[in-house]
Amino acid sequence: MAVRISGVNVPETKRVEIALTYIFGIGLTTSQKILAATGIKADTRVKELTEAEVTTLREYIDKNYGSKAISNVKSASTSSDSRKSIPTAVCVTNPACRSAANEPRPMPAPSAAKRSLWVQAVRKLQQRLNRRMQTQGMR
């Protein structure tokens, strides 16, 4: 029997203490508090729970923790970035996007080898252009 608590299919082969951590907003400490409050042993497997124990867990979690988890999901999905359809953490973590002072980064200076190749290429283009202009009588 698949156990569904707070909109999450809880794994049946795990201990209840661990299985409750699959629900958003519930960690190990919180799951231990829930089990102490409901009187369910932490060592029992989810598949060994009776229907009454599952119902008790569902009601307790929905009453005490359900609205918290739902509000966290809603607040995350209605942030300004999601409304603008901008990826949330791209520009924050991508160093190529912005520098620490929130200004665009300057282009790095080319290395000496690249600079000399670039200068050679420009000179060849200028020579070619000068020859073309001389042959056409423009100079």
Protein backbone atom coordinates (compact mmCIF):
# COMPACT_ATOMS: atom_id res chain seq x y z
CA MET A 1 0.00 0.00 0.00
CA ALA A 2 1.46 3.37 -1.02
CA VAL A 3 1.44 5.86 1.82
CA ARG A 4 0.82 9.47 0.78
CA ILE A 5 1.32 12.17 3.39
CA SER A 6 1.10 15.89 2.66
CA GLY A 7 1.19 15.29 -1.10
CA VAL A 8 4.34 13.12 -1.01
CA ASN A 9 4.56 9.38 -1.61
CA VAL A 10 6.58 8.24 1.38
CA PRO A 11 8.93 5.26 0.69
CA GLU A 12 7.53 2.10 2.26
CA THR A 13 10.78 0.26 2.94
CA LYS A 14 12.32 3.01 5.10
CA ARG A 15 11.84 3.59 8.82
CA VAL A 16 9.11 6.12 9.59
CA GLU A 17 11.64 8.46 11.18
CA ILE A 18 13.58 8.70 7.90
CA ALA A 19 10.60 8.47 5.56
CA LEU A 20 9.01 11.61 7.01
CA THR A 21 12.07 13.62 5.96
CA TYR A 22 10.97 13.18 2.33
CA ILE A 23 8.24 15.74 3.04
CA PHE A 24 9.24 19.34 2.35
CA GLY A 25 9.94 21.24 5.57
CA ILE A 26 10.41 18.17 7.77
CA GLY A 27 13.90 17.15 8.79
CA LEU A 28 15.11 14.43 11.13
CA THR A 29 14.56 16.44 14.32
CA THR A 30 11.08 17.46 13.27
CA SER A 31 10.16 13.90 12.30
CA GLN A 32 11.33 12.71 15.73
CA LYS A 33 9.12 15.35 17.38
CA ILE A 34 6.15 14.27 15.23
CA LEU A 35 6.62 10.62 16.16
CA ALA A 36 6.92 11.48 19.85
CA ALA A 37 3.74 13.56 19.68
CA THR A 38 1.75 10.89 17.83
CA GLY A 39 3.13 7.99 19.87
CA ILE A 40 4.47 6.02 16.92
CA LYS A 41 7.76 4.14 17.29
CA ALA A 42 10.56 5.50 15.12
CA ASP A 43 11.91 2.02 14.33
CA THR A 44 8.81 0.73 12.56
CA ARG A 45 8.84 0.56 8.78
CA VAL A 46 6.26 2.51 6.80
CA LYS A 47 4.77 -0.68 5.34
CA GLU A 48 4.20 -1.98 8.90
CA LEU A 49 2.09 1.05 9.92
CA THR A 50 -1.61 0.49 10.49
CA GLU A 51 -4.19 2.63 8.71
CA ALA A 52 -4.99 4.38 12.01
CA GLU A 53 -1.33 5.34 12.53
CA VAL A 54 -1.07 6.67 8.98
CA THR A 55 -4.21 8.73 9.49
CA THR A 56 -2.84 10.08 12.78
CA LEU A 57 0.40 11.09 11.05
CA ARG A 58 -1.45 12.74 8.16
CA GLU A 59 -3.71 14.77 10.46
CA TYR A 60 -0.88 15.84 12.76
CA ILE A 61 1.40 16.92 9.89
CA ASP A 62 -1.38 18.74 8.03
CA LYS A 63 -2.43 20.50 11.21
CA ASN A 64 1.02 21.55 12.42
CA TYR A 65 3.35 21.55 9.40
CA GLY A 66 1.22 21.44 6.24
CA SER A 67 0.55 25.15 5.85
CA LYS A 68 4.24 26.00 6.45
CA ALA A 69 5.42 23.76 3.63
CA ILE A 70 2.75 25.01 1.24
CA SER A 71 3.49 28.68 2.02
CA ASN A 72 7.22 28.13 1.40
CA VAL A 73 6.51 26.64 -2.02
CA LYS A 74 4.12 29.44 -2.93
CA SER A 75 6.54 32.18 -1.88
CA ALA A 76 9.32 30.60 -3.94
CA SER A 77 7.16 30.27 -7.04
CA THR A 78 5.84 33.85 -6.90
CA SER A 79 9.17 35.62 -6.58
CA SER A 80 9.88 38.48 -8.96
CA ASP A 81 12.42 36.39 -10.89
CA SER A 82 9.93 33.63 -11.61
CA ARG A 83 7.33 36.15 -12.78
CA LYS A 84 9.89 37.66 -15.15
CA SER A 85 10.86 34.12 -16.19
CA ILE A 86 14.49 34.81 -15.29
CA PRO A 87 16.51 31.95 -13.83
CA THR A 88 16.66 32.64 -10.12
CA ALA A 89 20.32 32.23 -9.19
CA VAL A 90 22.15 32.56 -12.50
CA CYS A 91 23.53 36.09 -12.20
CA VAL A 92 24.20 35.69 -8.50
CA THR A 93 26.52 32.73 -8.94
CA ASN A 94 27.92 33.28 -12.41
CA PRO A 95 31.08 35.40 -12.07
CA ALA A 96 31.07 36.21 -15.78
CA CYS A 97 27.79 38.04 -15.33
CA ARG A 98 28.75 40.75 -12.87
CA SER A 99 31.70 41.72 -10.71
CA ALA A 100 31.55 42.28 -6.95
CA ALA A 101 30.69 45.96 -7.44
CA ASN A 102 27.80 44.93 -9.73
CA GLU A 103 29.41 46.43 -12.80
CA PRO A 104 30.21 44.65 -16.05
CA ARG A 105 33.69 43.17 -16.05
CA PRO A 106 36.25 44.66 -18.44
CA MET A 107 37.67 42.52 -21.19
CA PRO A 108 41.05 41.06 -20.25
CA ALA A 109 44.06 42.41 -22.13
CA PRO A 110 45.33 40.04 -24.81
CA SER A 111 48.59 38.27 -24.15
CA ALA A 112 51.78 39.45 -25.84
CA ALA A 113 51.67 36.58 -28.34
CA LYS A 114 48.11 37.33 -29.37
CA ARG A 115 48.84 41.05 -29.51
CA SER A 116 51.78 40.52 -31.88
CA LEU A 117 49.70 38.26 -34.12
CA TRP A 118 46.97 40.87 -34.19
CA VAL A 119 49.44 43.63 -35.08
CA GLN A 120 50.89 41.49 -37.88
CA ALA A 121 47.42 40.83 -39.28
CA VAL A 122 46.53 44.52 -39.25
CA ARG A 123 49.79 45.42 -41.01
CA LYS A 124 49.15 42.84 -43.74
CA LEU A 125 45.65 44.20 -44.28
CA GLN A 126 46.99 47.75 -44.51
CA GLN A 127 49.65 46.70 -47.04
CA ARG A 128 47.07 44.85 -49.11
CA LEU A 129 44.78 47.87 -49.06
CA ASN A 130 47.62 50.22 -50.02
CA ARG A 131 48.60 47.98 -52.97
CA ARG A 132 45.01 47.81 -54.16
CA MET A 133 44.66 51.58 -53.97
CA GLN A 134 47.93 52.08 -55.89
CA THR A 135 46.89 49.72 -58.68
CA GLN A 136 43.58 51.47 -59.04
CA GLY A 137 45.26 54.90 -59.09
CA MET A 138 43.62 56.23 -55.99
CA ARG A 139 46.86 57.37 -54.40
